[in-house]
Each structure stands twice: as C-alpha cells, then as structure tokens.
C-alpha cells in the first residue's frame, strides 16, 4: 500500500526544490524573490506541523497572565497594571517571552532559543 506524502513533506519538497534548484539558476531580484518564496513555504510547513500546539500553549500562557486567552483582555490587564509589581513583572515577562519563542519556532527557528547573550 502506498502512503501518500503529508502536507509538511510536500511543502518541504517544494522549499528544497526552490532552494537547491531554482535559486542557484537565477540571479538578481528574481533570485531574491525565489529565496523569499522558499522561506515562506518553510514557514507554512512549520505552521502546519507546529501551529496547533504553539497556539494551544500560547492560550495557556495568556490565561496565566490575565485569566483569558483573549489577547485584548491580556492587553487591558497589562495596561491596568497587572505587571507593575516587581514579582509579577518578572513572571509576566517570562510568560510573554515564552509566547514570542513559540511564534519564533515557526517564523524563524533558532531565534526561539536565543537567551540574550
């Protein structure tokens, strides 16, 4: 029985073809656009592969900040001073950092592990 490739496998094949075959055959602005297209395909593959778990984790982290996964509720809580206390500030900064790391794991892998040094 033949197992068809997954969406992620198909997307990664397109990205590899663009990167390995198309980009080297081009030059100038067209080469740059092909490289951008390959990067976009890789981002979409990571979104398909990781997006649901990253969004679920983000919702949990937002709820830990303001009791709601609604970003506007979290923003209102922060504007109202939820992070003004030094202990809360550190806790909330760590939660927000974890949210950004999740987004970066999809958009720009490698940047999600940077520790600031």
N, C-alpha and C. Protein backbone atom coordinates (compact mmCIF):
# COMPACT_ATOMS: atom_id res chain seq x y z
N UNK A 1 0.84 -1.18 0.00
CA UNK A 1 0.00 0.00 0.00
C UNK A 1 0.89 1.24 0.00
N UNK A 2 0.55 2.19 -0.85
CA UNK A 2 1.33 3.41 -0.96
C UNK A 2 0.83 4.45 0.03
N UNK A 3 1.74 4.98 0.83
CA UNK A 3 1.39 6.04 1.79
C UNK A 3 1.66 7.38 1.13
N UNK A 4 0.64 8.19 0.87
CA UNK A 4 0.88 9.49 0.24
C UNK A 4 1.68 10.40 1.17
N UNK A 5 2.45 11.32 0.62
CA UNK A 5 3.22 12.24 1.48
C UNK A 5 2.29 13.19 2.23
N UNK A 6 2.75 13.60 3.39
CA UNK A 6 1.97 14.55 4.18
C UNK A 6 2.11 15.95 3.58
N UNK A 7 1.26 16.85 4.02
CA UNK A 7 1.35 18.24 3.57
C UNK A 7 2.71 18.83 3.92
N UNK A 8 3.22 18.51 5.10
CA UNK A 8 4.52 19.02 5.51
C UNK A 8 5.61 18.49 4.59
N UNK A 9 5.56 17.22 4.26
CA UNK A 9 6.56 16.65 3.36
C UNK A 9 6.50 17.30 1.98
N UNK A 10 5.30 17.53 1.48
CA UNK A 10 5.15 18.18 0.19
C UNK A 10 5.70 19.62 0.21
N UNK A 11 5.37 20.34 1.27
CA UNK A 11 5.86 21.71 1.38
C UNK A 11 7.38 21.75 1.48
N UNK A 12 7.94 20.85 2.26
CA UNK A 12 9.41 20.82 2.39
C UNK A 12 10.08 20.44 1.07
N UNK A 13 9.44 19.59 0.28
CA UNK A 13 9.99 19.24 -1.03
C UNK A 13 9.98 20.46 -1.95
N UNK A 14 8.90 21.22 -1.93
CA UNK A 14 8.83 22.45 -2.73
C UNK A 14 9.92 23.43 -2.28
N UNK A 15 10.06 23.60 -0.97
CA UNK A 15 11.08 24.52 -0.45
C UNK A 15 12.48 24.08 -0.86
N UNK A 16 12.75 22.79 -0.75
CA UNK A 16 14.07 22.28 -1.13
C UNK A 16 14.32 22.45 -2.63
N UNK A 17 13.31 22.23 -3.44
CA UNK A 17 13.46 22.42 -4.89
C UNK A 17 13.77 23.88 -5.21
N UNK A 18 13.04 24.77 -4.57
CA UNK A 18 13.32 26.19 -4.78
C UNK A 18 14.73 26.54 -4.34
N UNK A 19 15.11 26.11 -3.15
CA UNK A 19 16.42 26.45 -2.59
C UNK A 19 17.57 25.81 -3.37
N UNK A 20 17.43 24.52 -3.68
CA UNK A 20 18.54 23.77 -4.27
C UNK A 20 18.63 23.90 -5.79
N UNK A 21 17.49 24.04 -6.46
CA UNK A 21 17.49 24.02 -7.92
C UNK A 21 17.16 25.37 -8.56
N UNK A 22 16.14 26.04 -8.05
CA UNK A 22 15.67 27.27 -8.70
C UNK A 22 16.55 28.47 -8.33
N UNK A 23 16.79 28.68 -7.04
CA UNK A 23 17.57 29.85 -6.61
C UNK A 23 18.94 29.91 -7.28
N UNK A 24 19.71 28.81 -7.31
CA UNK A 24 21.03 28.89 -7.96
C UNK A 24 20.97 29.19 -9.46
N UNK A 25 19.85 28.89 -10.10
CA UNK A 25 19.73 29.11 -11.54
C UNK A 25 19.32 30.55 -11.87
N UNK A 26 19.03 31.33 -10.86
CA UNK A 26 18.57 32.70 -11.07
C UNK A 26 19.62 33.69 -10.57
N UNK A 27 19.38 34.96 -10.84
CA UNK A 27 20.23 35.99 -10.27
C UNK A 27 19.40 37.25 -10.05
N UNK A 28 20.00 38.17 -9.33
CA UNK A 28 19.37 39.47 -9.09
C UNK A 28 18.09 39.37 -8.30
N UNK A 29 17.17 40.29 -8.58
CA UNK A 29 15.92 40.38 -7.83
C UNK A 29 15.06 39.10 -7.92
N UNK A 30 15.10 38.44 -9.06
CA UNK A 30 14.31 37.21 -9.22
C UNK A 30 14.85 36.12 -8.30
N UNK A 31 16.16 36.04 -8.17
CA UNK A 31 16.75 35.06 -7.25
C UNK A 31 16.31 35.36 -5.81
N UNK A 32 16.33 36.62 -5.45
CA UNK A 32 15.89 37.01 -4.10
C UNK A 32 14.44 36.62 -3.87
N UNK A 33 13.57 36.87 -4.85
CA UNK A 33 12.15 36.52 -4.70
C UNK A 33 11.97 35.01 -4.58
N UNK A 34 12.76 34.23 -5.31
CA UNK A 34 12.67 32.77 -5.19
C UNK A 34 13.13 32.31 -3.81
N UNK A 35 14.17 32.95 -3.27
CA UNK A 35 14.64 32.62 -1.93
C UNK A 35 13.57 32.97 -0.89
N UNK A 36 12.92 34.12 -1.05
CA UNK A 36 11.82 34.51 -0.16
C UNK A 36 10.68 33.50 -0.26
N UNK A 37 10.35 33.07 -1.47
CA UNK A 37 9.28 32.08 -1.66
C UNK A 37 9.62 30.77 -0.96
N UNK A 38 10.87 30.33 -1.05
CA UNK A 38 11.29 29.10 -0.37
C UNK A 38 11.14 29.26 1.14
N UNK A 39 11.50 30.41 1.66
CA UNK A 39 11.37 30.67 3.09
C UNK A 39 9.91 30.67 3.51
N UNK A 40 9.05 31.26 2.71
CA UNK A 40 7.61 31.26 3.02
C UNK A 40 7.06 29.84 3.05
N UNK A 41 7.46 29.02 2.10
CA UNK A 41 6.99 27.62 2.07
C UNK A 41 7.46 26.90 3.34
N UNK A 42 8.69 27.14 3.78
CA UNK A 42 9.18 26.53 5.02
C UNK A 42 8.37 26.99 6.23
N UNK A 43 8.04 28.28 6.27
CA UNK A 43 7.22 28.80 7.37
C UNK A 43 5.85 28.13 7.38
N UNK A 44 5.24 27.98 6.22
CA UNK A 44 3.94 27.32 6.13
C UNK A 44 4.05 25.87 6.60
N UNK A 45 5.13 25.18 6.22
CA UNK A 45 5.32 23.80 6.67
C UNK A 45 5.41 23.73 8.19
N UNK A 46 6.15 24.67 8.79
CA UNK A 46 6.26 24.67 10.26
C UNK A 46 4.93 25.02 10.90
N UNK A 47 4.17 25.92 10.28
CA UNK A 47 2.85 26.27 10.82
C UNK A 47 1.93 25.05 10.80
N UNK A 48 1.94 24.31 9.70
CA UNK A 48 1.13 23.10 9.60
C UNK A 48 1.57 22.09 10.66
N UNK A 49 2.87 21.96 10.82
CA UNK A 49 3.43 20.95 11.73
C UNK A 49 3.30 21.35 13.21
N UNK A 50 3.55 22.62 13.53
CA UNK A 50 3.65 23.05 14.93
C UNK A 50 2.55 24.00 15.39
N UNK A 51 1.84 24.59 14.44
CA UNK A 51 0.91 25.67 14.76
C UNK A 51 -0.11 25.37 15.83
N UNK A 52 -0.76 24.22 15.75
CA UNK A 52 -1.80 23.91 16.74
C UNK A 52 -1.23 23.84 18.15
N UNK A 53 -0.08 23.18 18.31
CA UNK A 53 0.49 23.05 19.65
C UNK A 53 1.04 24.39 20.15
N UNK A 54 1.61 25.19 19.26
CA UNK A 54 2.12 26.51 19.66
C UNK A 54 0.95 27.39 20.08
N UNK A 55 -0.14 27.39 19.33
CA UNK A 55 -1.31 28.22 19.68
C UNK A 55 -1.96 27.75 20.99
N UNK A 56 -2.03 26.44 21.21
CA UNK A 56 -2.60 25.93 22.47
C UNK A 56 -1.74 26.35 23.65
N UNK A 57 -0.42 26.26 23.50
CA UNK A 57 0.49 26.67 24.57
C UNK A 57 0.37 28.17 24.81
N UNK A 58 0.26 28.94 23.73
CA UNK A 58 0.09 30.39 23.86
C UNK A 58 -1.18 30.72 24.64
N UNK A 59 -2.27 30.02 24.35
CA UNK A 59 -3.53 30.26 25.07
C UNK A 59 -3.36 29.99 26.56
N UNK A 60 -2.65 28.92 26.90
CA UNK A 60 -2.39 28.59 28.30
C UNK A 60 -1.58 29.70 28.97
N UNK A 61 -0.57 30.20 28.27
CA UNK A 61 0.27 31.26 28.82
C UNK A 61 -0.51 32.56 28.98
N UNK A 62 -1.34 32.90 28.00
CA UNK A 62 -2.17 34.11 28.12
C UNK A 62 -3.13 34.00 29.30
N UNK A 63 -3.70 32.82 29.49
CA UNK A 63 -4.60 32.61 30.64
C UNK A 63 -3.85 32.77 31.95
N UNK A 64 -2.59 32.39 31.98
CA UNK A 64 -1.79 32.55 33.20
C UNK A 64 -1.49 34.01 33.49
N UNK A 65 -1.55 34.84 32.47
CA UNK A 65 -1.30 36.27 32.66
C UNK A 65 -2.56 36.98 33.15
N UNK A 66 -3.70 36.71 32.51
CA UNK A 66 -4.89 37.51 32.79
C UNK A 66 -6.17 36.69 32.94
N UNK A 67 -6.04 35.36 32.99
CA UNK A 67 -7.23 34.54 33.15
C UNK A 67 -8.04 34.39 31.88
N UNK A 68 -7.49 34.81 30.75
CA UNK A 68 -8.18 34.72 29.47
C UNK A 68 -7.15 34.55 28.36
N UNK A 69 -7.53 33.78 27.35
CA UNK A 69 -6.66 33.63 26.18
C UNK A 69 -6.91 34.72 25.15
N UNK A 70 -7.83 35.60 25.41
CA UNK A 70 -8.14 36.71 24.51
C UNK A 70 -7.05 37.78 24.65
N UNK A 71 -6.34 38.04 23.58
CA UNK A 71 -5.22 38.97 23.62
C UNK A 71 -5.65 40.37 24.05
N UNK A 72 -6.86 40.78 23.70
CA UNK A 72 -7.31 42.12 24.10
C UNK A 72 -7.55 42.19 25.61
N UNK A 73 -7.98 41.09 26.20
CA UNK A 73 -8.16 41.04 27.66
C UNK A 73 -6.79 41.12 28.34
N UNK A 74 -5.82 40.39 27.79
CA UNK A 74 -4.47 40.42 28.35
C UNK A 74 -3.88 41.82 28.22
N UNK A 75 -4.04 42.44 27.05
CA UNK A 75 -3.53 43.80 26.86
C UNK A 75 -4.17 44.77 27.85
N UNK A 76 -5.47 44.64 28.06
CA UNK A 76 -6.16 45.53 29.02
C UNK A 76 -5.63 45.31 30.42
N UNK A 77 -5.39 44.05 30.79
CA UNK A 77 -4.85 43.76 32.13
C UNK A 77 -3.46 44.36 32.30
N UNK A 78 -2.65 44.27 31.28
CA UNK A 78 -1.31 44.86 31.35
C UNK A 78 -1.38 46.39 31.43
N UNK A 79 -2.27 46.98 30.64
CA UNK A 79 -2.44 48.44 30.72
C UNK A 79 -2.95 48.87 32.09
N UNK A 80 -3.73 48.01 32.73
CA UNK A 80 -4.29 48.33 34.04
C UNK A 80 -3.29 48.09 35.17
N UNK A 81 -2.09 47.59 34.84
CA UNK A 81 -1.06 47.45 35.86
C UNK A 81 -0.79 46.05 36.35
N UNK A 82 -1.24 45.03 35.62
CA UNK A 82 -1.04 43.65 36.07
C UNK A 82 0.42 43.29 36.27
N UNK A 83 1.32 43.98 35.58
CA UNK A 83 2.75 43.67 35.69
C UNK A 83 3.52 44.72 36.47
N UNK A 84 2.83 45.59 37.19
CA UNK A 84 3.52 46.67 37.89
C UNK A 84 4.31 46.19 39.11
N UNK A 85 3.81 45.21 39.80
CA UNK A 85 4.53 44.65 40.95
C UNK A 85 5.78 43.93 40.42
N UNK A 86 6.96 44.15 41.03
CA UNK A 86 8.19 43.54 40.51
C UNK A 86 8.12 42.02 40.35
N UNK A 87 7.54 41.33 41.30
CA UNK A 87 7.44 39.86 41.20
C UNK A 87 6.53 39.48 40.03
N UNK A 88 5.43 40.17 39.88
CA UNK A 88 4.51 39.91 38.76
C UNK A 88 5.15 40.30 37.44
N UNK A 89 5.90 41.37 37.47
CA UNK A 89 6.58 41.81 36.24
C UNK A 89 7.49 40.71 35.70
N UNK A 90 8.30 40.13 36.56
CA UNK A 90 9.20 39.05 36.13
C UNK A 90 8.43 37.84 35.63
N UNK A 91 7.38 37.46 36.36
CA UNK A 91 6.57 36.29 35.96
C UNK A 91 5.93 36.54 34.60
N UNK A 92 5.33 37.69 34.42
CA UNK A 92 4.64 38.00 33.17
C UNK A 92 5.64 38.15 32.02
N UNK A 93 6.80 38.74 32.28
CA UNK A 93 7.83 38.84 31.25
C UNK A 93 8.25 37.46 30.78
N UNK A 94 8.39 36.51 31.70
CA UNK A 94 8.75 35.14 31.32
C UNK A 94 7.64 34.49 30.48
N UNK A 95 6.39 34.73 30.85
CA UNK A 95 5.28 34.17 30.07
C UNK A 95 5.22 34.78 28.67
N UNK A 96 5.39 36.09 28.58
CA UNK A 96 5.37 36.75 27.27
C UNK A 96 6.57 36.30 26.41
N UNK A 97 7.71 36.11 27.05
CA UNK A 97 8.88 35.62 26.33
C UNK A 97 8.60 34.23 25.77
N UNK A 98 7.94 33.38 26.53
CA UNK A 98 7.61 32.03 26.07
C UNK A 98 6.65 32.09 24.87
N UNK A 99 5.73 33.05 24.88
CA UNK A 99 4.81 33.22 23.74
C UNK A 99 5.60 33.61 22.49
N UNK A 100 6.50 34.57 22.62
CA UNK A 100 7.31 35.01 21.49
C UNK A 100 8.19 33.86 20.99
N UNK A 101 8.75 33.07 21.90
CA UNK A 101 9.58 31.93 21.50
C UNK A 101 8.75 30.94 20.67
N UNK A 102 7.51 30.72 21.05
CA UNK A 102 6.64 29.83 20.27
C UNK A 102 6.43 30.35 18.86
N UNK A 103 6.16 31.64 18.76
CA UNK A 103 5.98 32.24 17.43
C UNK A 103 7.26 32.13 16.61
N UNK A 104 8.40 32.37 17.25
CA UNK A 104 9.68 32.29 16.55
C UNK A 104 10.03 30.87 16.13
N UNK A 105 9.56 29.88 16.87
CA UNK A 105 9.83 28.49 16.48
C UNK A 105 9.23 28.17 15.12
N UNK A 106 8.21 28.92 14.74
CA UNK A 106 7.58 28.76 13.43
C UNK A 106 8.20 29.73 12.42
N UNK A 107 8.30 30.99 12.79
CA UNK A 107 8.73 32.01 11.84
C UNK A 107 10.24 32.02 11.58
N UNK A 108 11.03 31.76 12.62
CA UNK A 108 12.49 31.89 12.48
C UNK A 108 13.18 30.95 13.46
N UNK A 109 13.16 29.63 13.19
CA UNK A 109 13.79 28.68 14.11
C UNK A 109 15.24 29.05 14.38
N UNK A 110 15.64 28.82 15.60
CA UNK A 110 16.98 29.20 16.04
C UNK A 110 16.92 30.47 16.87
N UNK A 111 16.07 31.40 16.48
CA UNK A 111 15.89 32.63 17.25
C UNK A 111 15.05 32.35 18.49
N UNK A 112 14.32 31.24 18.49
CA UNK A 112 13.47 30.90 19.63
C UNK A 112 14.25 30.41 20.83
N UNK A 113 15.54 30.15 20.68
CA UNK A 113 16.35 29.66 21.80
C UNK A 113 17.37 30.68 22.27
N UNK A 114 17.42 31.84 21.62
CA UNK A 114 18.39 32.87 21.99
C UNK A 114 18.12 33.33 23.41
N UNK A 115 19.16 33.43 24.23
CA UNK A 115 18.98 33.80 25.62
C UNK A 115 19.39 35.25 25.91
N UNK A 116 19.70 36.00 24.88
CA UNK A 116 20.04 37.39 25.06
C UNK A 116 21.52 37.68 25.23
N UNK A 117 22.32 36.66 25.25
CA UNK A 117 23.77 36.86 25.39
C UNK A 117 24.47 36.88 24.06
